[in-house]
Amino acid sequence: EATVRAGAVNDKVAGLSQLTSQALLLGAGGKAKAEIEQLVDFLGASLNSNGSMEGSSLRADFMAKDAEQMLSVLHMVLTQPGFDVAEFDKLKARQIAAVAQAKESPRMVIDQYFNKLVFNSHPYGNATSGTAESLKSISQQQVKDFHQSFYQPANTAISIVGDFKPAVMKAQLQKLFASWKNGAAVTQPDLTAALPQTIKSKVLLVNKADAIETTFSIGGVGVKQDNPDYVGISVVNTVLGGRFTSWLNDELRVNSGLTYGAGSGFERYSASGTFSIGSFC
């Protein structure tokens, strides 16, 4: 897996980082999208990419015997994406349709509404998937520029887990990525600045007249990624609301019959995070 420090917090246009990560798979190194897909399928492997709040990832899973071929594919897709115009237009159309479709189910979009309510204009309030309007405005050139700015060695970590000899694998990777050079220095936003303060409660109501159910989240600012108490917090949350057999789900689903499910959880970022309790009825 190659993890690039470029996510929604880096977006100048909502959804740009995620669209860029997905566009990596539209062909690379002079090979068409279909050619790469056929090779990956022939090997019984998988190749996926996605973007999140603070990072983007390109992941390949494959048999150990196919490591040389698949690492070559991963390298090609990561460093030499073609961003084919026709394929890019189709990808953008699919993403716009997916964003519109997600709004038909409150449970699909409530996390983005919740994040925006908590973080407001802070980069953590950015919508990872973007909106239909923002996606329509993103051009192929913007995706190319985003890739050039952030997808470089100094801003990327590659992790490999499997059946291999470390020294051999390290030499193979060094040879494979030797020609990959850094561009202009990457500028990251200061995510510690202007973080929200939980001074008073806020309520956001979204009326969807044709909805057949009501979805809700209650919560606020949580803990950041390196919180030293996270293991203990995670254990307590698992008991109270973090799994299907939690006290919260037992009370609302099993004992009261008010919902099909209820849960709680923590979303952790490098500088902050959220805690939320959610259900639907």
Protein backbone atom coordinates (compact mmCIF):
# COMPACT_ATOMS: atom_id res chain seq x y z
CA GLU A 1 0.00 0.00 0.00
CA ALA A 2 1.21 3.46 -0.93
CA THR A 3 -0.18 6.16 1.37
CA VAL A 4 0.05 9.75 0.21
CA ARG A 5 -0.39 12.65 2.64
CA ALA A 6 -3.06 14.33 0.54
CA GLY A 7 -6.71 14.24 1.49
CA ALA A 8 -9.81 16.35 1.81
CA VAL A 9 -7.93 18.78 4.08
CA ASN A 10 -5.85 19.71 1.02
CA ASP A 11 -8.81 20.33 -1.27
CA LYS A 12 -9.22 23.70 -2.91
CA VAL A 13 -12.32 22.25 -4.58
CA ALA A 14 -14.38 19.75 -2.57
CA GLY A 15 -13.75 16.17 -3.70
CA LEU A 16 -10.55 16.87 -5.66
CA SER A 17 -8.26 14.63 -3.60
CA GLN A 18 -10.63 11.65 -3.70
CA LEU A 19 -11.31 12.07 -7.41
CA THR A 20 -7.55 12.21 -8.04
CA SER A 21 -6.95 9.00 -6.12
CA GLN A 22 -9.66 7.19 -8.06
CA ALA A 23 -8.42 8.59 -11.37
CA LEU A 24 -5.09 6.81 -10.85
CA LEU A 25 -6.77 3.64 -12.13
CA LEU A 26 -7.78 5.12 -15.50
CA GLY A 27 -4.64 3.93 -17.26
CA ALA A 28 -0.93 4.48 -16.65
CA GLY A 29 2.51 4.11 -18.18
CA GLY A 30 1.09 4.04 -21.70
CA LYS A 31 -1.32 1.21 -20.83
CA ALA A 32 -5.07 1.65 -21.05
CA LYS A 33 -7.39 1.14 -18.10
CA ALA A 34 -8.68 -2.11 -19.62
CA GLU A 35 -5.14 -3.50 -20.10
CA ILE A 36 -4.22 -2.93 -16.46
CA GLU A 37 -7.51 -4.40 -15.25
CA GLN A 38 -7.05 -7.50 -17.42
CA LEU A 39 -3.52 -8.09 -16.07
CA VAL A 40 -4.63 -7.67 -12.45
CA ASP A 41 -7.62 -9.99 -12.99
CA PHE A 42 -5.47 -12.59 -14.79
CA LEU A 43 -3.19 -12.77 -11.75
CA GLY A 44 -6.15 -13.07 -9.38
CA ALA A 45 -4.98 -9.88 -7.69
CA SER A 46 -6.72 -6.64 -6.73
CA LEU A 47 -5.81 -2.99 -7.13
CA ASN A 48 -7.79 -0.25 -5.39
CA SER A 49 -7.42 3.43 -4.61
CA ASN A 50 -9.31 5.84 -2.41
CA GLY A 51 -9.07 9.17 -0.63
CA SER A 52 -9.92 10.07 2.96
CA MET A 53 -9.78 13.15 5.19
CA GLU A 54 -5.99 13.35 5.54
CA GLY A 55 -4.60 10.86 3.04
CA SER A 56 -5.00 8.91 -0.17
CA SER A 57 -4.05 5.29 -0.71
CA LEU A 58 -3.28 2.89 -3.52
CA ARG A 59 -3.45 -0.75 -2.44
CA ALA A 60 -2.60 -3.99 -4.20
CA ASP A 61 -3.18 -7.54 -2.92
CA PHE A 62 -1.58 -10.44 -4.78
CA MET A 63 0.13 -13.82 -4.54
CA ALA A 64 3.75 -13.72 -3.40
CA LYS A 65 4.89 -15.28 -6.70
CA ASP A 66 3.41 -12.32 -8.59
CA ALA A 67 5.15 -9.65 -6.51
CA GLU A 68 7.44 -8.43 -9.29
CA GLN A 69 4.60 -7.94 -11.77
CA MET A 70 2.18 -6.33 -9.34
CA LEU A 71 4.75 -4.01 -7.77
CA SER A 72 5.56 -2.85 -11.27
CA VAL A 73 1.87 -2.14 -11.85
CA LEU A 74 1.56 -0.29 -8.54
CA HIS A 75 4.63 1.81 -9.37
CA MET A 76 3.27 2.63 -12.82
CA VAL A 77 -0.18 3.62 -11.53
CA LEU A 78 1.23 5.69 -8.66
CA THR A 79 3.88 7.60 -10.59
CA GLN A 80 2.72 7.59 -14.25
CA PRO A 81 -1.08 7.88 -14.34
CA GLY A 82 -2.46 8.84 -17.73
CA PHE A 83 -5.74 10.46 -16.60
CA ASP A 84 -7.31 9.56 -19.94
CA VAL A 85 -9.85 12.25 -20.89
CA ALA A 86 -12.67 9.90 -21.93
CA GLU A 87 -12.23 7.67 -18.86
CA PHE A 88 -11.96 10.72 -16.60
CA ASP A 89 -15.25 12.12 -17.88
CA LYS A 90 -16.95 8.77 -17.21
CA LEU A 91 -15.45 8.57 -13.71
CA LYS A 92 -16.61 12.09 -12.90
CA ALA A 93 -20.12 11.32 -14.13
CA ARG A 94 -20.24 8.20 -11.94
CA GLN A 95 -19.07 10.14 -8.89
CA ILE A 96 -21.63 12.89 -9.44
CA ALA A 97 -24.36 10.26 -9.72
CA ALA A 98 -23.08 8.48 -6.59
CA VAL A 99 -23.12 11.70 -4.55
CA ALA A 100 -26.68 12.43 -5.69
CA GLN A 101 -27.79 8.87 -4.94
CA ALA A 102 -26.23 8.96 -1.47
CA LYS A 103 -28.56 11.82 -0.53
CA GLU A 104 -31.50 9.45 -0.94
CA SER A 105 -30.34 7.68 2.23
CA PRO A 106 -29.76 9.93 5.28
CA ARG A 107 -27.47 7.30 6.79
CA MET A 108 -25.11 7.65 3.82
CA VAL A 109 -24.53 11.37 4.29
CA ILE A 110 -25.09 12.13 7.96
CA ASP A 111 -21.39 11.79 8.84
CA GLN A 112 -20.47 14.57 6.40
CA TYR A 113 -23.19 16.83 7.79
CA PHE A 114 -22.01 16.02 11.32
CA ASN A 115 -18.37 16.78 10.49
CA LYS A 116 -19.32 20.11 8.94
CA LEU A 117 -21.38 21.02 12.01
CA VAL A 118 -18.48 20.22 14.36
CA PHE A 119 -15.60 21.73 12.34
CA ASN A 120 -17.39 24.38 10.28
CA SER A 121 -14.79 26.20 8.07
CA HIS A 122 -11.81 24.20 9.40
CA PRO A 123 -10.31 21.78 6.80
CA TYR A 124 -11.73 18.86 8.81
CA GLY A 125 -15.16 20.13 7.79
CA ASN A 126 -14.42 19.47 4.11
CA ALA A 127 -16.60 16.89 2.37
CA THR A 128 -14.32 14.04 1.31
CA SER A 129 -16.50 12.98 -1.62
CA GLY A 130 -17.33 16.55 -2.62
CA THR A 131 -20.73 17.68 -3.88
CA ALA A 132 -22.41 17.34 -7.26
CA GLU A 133 -21.67 21.01 -7.95
CA SER A 134 -18.00 20.86 -6.90
CA LEU A 135 -17.33 17.65 -8.84
CA LYS A 136 -18.82 19.14 -12.00
CA SER A 137 -16.30 21.98 -11.78
CA ILE A 138 -13.19 19.76 -11.47
CA SER A 139 -11.18 19.47 -14.68
CA GLN A 140 -8.69 16.88 -15.83
CA GLN A 141 -5.94 19.51 -15.51
CA GLN A 142 -6.81 20.15 -11.86
CA VAL A 143 -6.45 16.43 -11.15
CA LYS A 144 -3.10 16.37 -12.95
CA ASP A 145 -1.90 19.38 -10.97
CA PHE A 146 -3.03 17.84 -7.66
CA HIS A 147 -1.16 14.63 -8.48
CA GLN A 148 1.99 16.52 -9.43
CA SER A 149 1.87 18.59 -6.24
CA PHE A 150 1.27 15.85 -3.69
CA TYR A 151 2.15 12.47 -5.20
CA GLN A 152 5.92 12.54 -4.66
CA PRO A 153 8.42 10.46 -2.62
CA ALA A 154 8.78 12.91 0.27
CA ASN A 155 5.01 12.86 0.78
CA THR A 156 4.42 9.11 0.40
CA ALA A 157 4.88 6.02 2.58
CA ILE A 158 4.95 2.50 1.14
CA SER A 159 4.15 -0.44 3.41
CA ILE A 160 4.37 -4.11 2.45
CA VAL A 161 3.20 -7.13 4.44
CA GLY A 162 3.56 -10.70 3.21
CA ASP A 163 5.86 -13.57 2.35
CA PHE A 164 9.18 -12.07 1.22
CA LYS A 165 12.79 -11.50 2.30
CA PRO A 166 13.11 -7.91 3.58
CA ALA A 167 16.54 -7.27 2.09
CA VAL A 168 15.45 -8.52 -1.34
CA MET A 169 12.22 -6.56 -1.24
CA LYS A 170 13.97 -3.37 -0.16
CA ALA A 171 16.45 -3.66 -3.05
CA GLN A 172 13.59 -4.34 -5.47
CA LEU A 173 11.68 -1.26 -4.34
CA GLN A 174 14.77 0.97 -4.43
CA LYS A 175 15.44 -0.10 -8.01
CA LEU A 176 11.80 0.26 -9.04
CA PHE A 177 11.31 3.75 -7.58
CA ALA A 178 14.83 5.11 -8.27
CA SER A 179 13.63 7.44 -11.02
CA TRP A 180 10.74 8.88 -8.97
CA LYS A 181 11.82 12.38 -7.97
CA ASN A 182 10.38 15.07 -5.72
CA GLY A 183 8.89 18.20 -7.19
CA ALA A 184 8.20 21.48 -5.43
CA ALA A 185 8.05 21.21 -1.65
CA VAL A 186 4.63 20.14 -0.41
CA THR A 187 2.79 22.72 1.67
CA GLN A 188 0.43 21.25 4.25
CA PRO A 189 -2.30 23.21 6.07
CA ASP A 190 -1.84 23.92 9.77
CA LEU A 191 -4.54 21.64 11.15
CA THR A 192 -3.91 22.74 14.74
CA ALA A 193 -5.05 26.28 13.95
CA ALA A 194 -8.63 27.46 14.46
CA LEU A 195 -9.87 24.15 15.83
CA PRO A 196 -13.45 24.38 17.14
CA GLN A 197 -14.12 24.91 20.83
CA THR A 198 -17.05 23.06 22.37
CA ILE A 199 -18.45 26.05 24.24
CA LYS A 200 -22.15 25.53 23.59
CA SER A 201 -24.43 22.97 22.00
CA LYS A 202 -25.50 23.21 18.36
CA VAL A 203 -28.32 21.52 16.45
CA LEU A 204 -28.54 20.89 12.72
CA LEU A 205 -31.88 19.80 11.24
CA VAL A 206 -32.07 18.59 7.64
CA ASN A 207 -35.62 18.14 6.38
CA LYS A 208 -36.08 15.46 3.72
CA ALA A 209 -39.81 15.33 3.16
CA ASP A 210 -39.82 11.98 1.34
CA ALA A 211 -37.54 10.15 3.80
CA ILE A 212 -39.03 6.95 5.23
CA GLU A 213 -36.83 7.07 8.32
CA THR A 214 -35.13 9.59 10.59
CA THR A 215 -31.39 9.35 11.20
CA PHE A 216 -29.55 11.21 13.94
CA SER A 217 -26.09 11.67 15.46
CA ILE A 218 -25.24 13.15 18.84
CA GLY A 219 -21.63 14.01 19.66
CA GLY A 220 -18.82 16.49 19.30
CA VAL A 221 -15.05 16.84 19.41
CA GLY A 222 -13.28 13.60 20.33
CA VAL A 223 -9.60 12.62 20.53
CA LYS A 224 -6.76 12.85 18.02
CA GLN A 225 -4.78 9.98 16.51
CA ASP A 226 -1.97 9.84 19.07
CA ASN A 227 -4.09 10.18 22.23
CA PRO A 228 -2.29 8.02 24.84
CA ASP A 229 -5.60 6.86 26.33
CA TYR A 230 -7.09 5.63 23.06
CA VAL A 231 -6.76 1.92 23.88
CA GLY A 232 -8.72 2.39 27.09
CA ILE A 233 -11.23 4.65 25.35
CA SER A 234 -11.69 2.04 22.63
CA VAL A 235 -12.34 -0.73 25.16
CA VAL A 236 -14.93 1.32 27.03
CA ASN A 237 -16.60 2.39 23.77
CA THR A 238 -16.77 -1.23 22.59
CA VAL A 239 -18.70 -2.17 25.72
CA LEU A 240 -21.01 0.86 25.69
CA GLY A 241 -21.75 1.35 22.00
CA GLY A 242 -19.01 0.16 19.69
CA ARG A 243 -20.39 -3.23 18.67
CA PHE A 244 -23.67 -5.00 17.99
CA THR A 245 -23.75 -6.54 21.48
CA SER A 246 -23.09 -3.20 23.21
CA TRP A 247 -25.24 -1.84 26.03
CA LEU A 248 -26.54 0.93 23.77
CA ASN A 249 -27.71 -1.43 21.04
CA ASP A 250 -29.17 -3.84 23.59
CA GLU A 251 -31.22 -1.08 25.20
CA LEU A 252 -32.54 0.56 22.02
CA ARG A 253 -32.94 -2.51 19.78
CA VAL A 254 -33.34 -5.59 21.97
CA ASN A 255 -35.04 -4.24 25.09
CA SER A 256 -37.04 -1.32 23.64
CA GLY A 257 -37.52 -2.28 19.99
CA LEU A 258 -37.07 1.34 18.92
CA THR A 259 -34.49 0.78 16.16
CA TYR A 260 -32.72 -1.88 14.11
CA GLY A 261 -29.36 -0.66 15.39
CA ALA A 262 -27.52 1.96 17.42
CA GLY A 263 -23.83 2.57 17.97
CA SER A 264 -21.09 4.96 18.97
CA GLY A 265 -17.57 5.58 17.77
CA PHE A 266 -14.51 7.80 17.50
CA GLU A 267 -13.12 9.21 14.26
CA ARG A 268 -9.49 10.21 14.84
CA TYR A 269 -7.45 12.71 12.85
CA SER A 270 -3.89 13.94 13.38
CA ALA A 271 -4.92 17.13 15.17
CA SER A 272 -8.43 16.42 16.43
CA GLY A 273 -11.32 14.00 16.06
CA THR A 274 -15.00 13.39 16.68
CA PHE A 275 -17.14 11.23 18.93
CA SER A 276 -20.69 10.38 17.95
CA ILE A 277 -23.65 8.25 18.99
CA GLY A 278 -26.01 7.43 16.16
CA SER A 279 -29.18 5.55 15.33
CA PHE A 280 -32.27 5.71 13.11
CA CYS A 281 -35.97 5.07 13.43
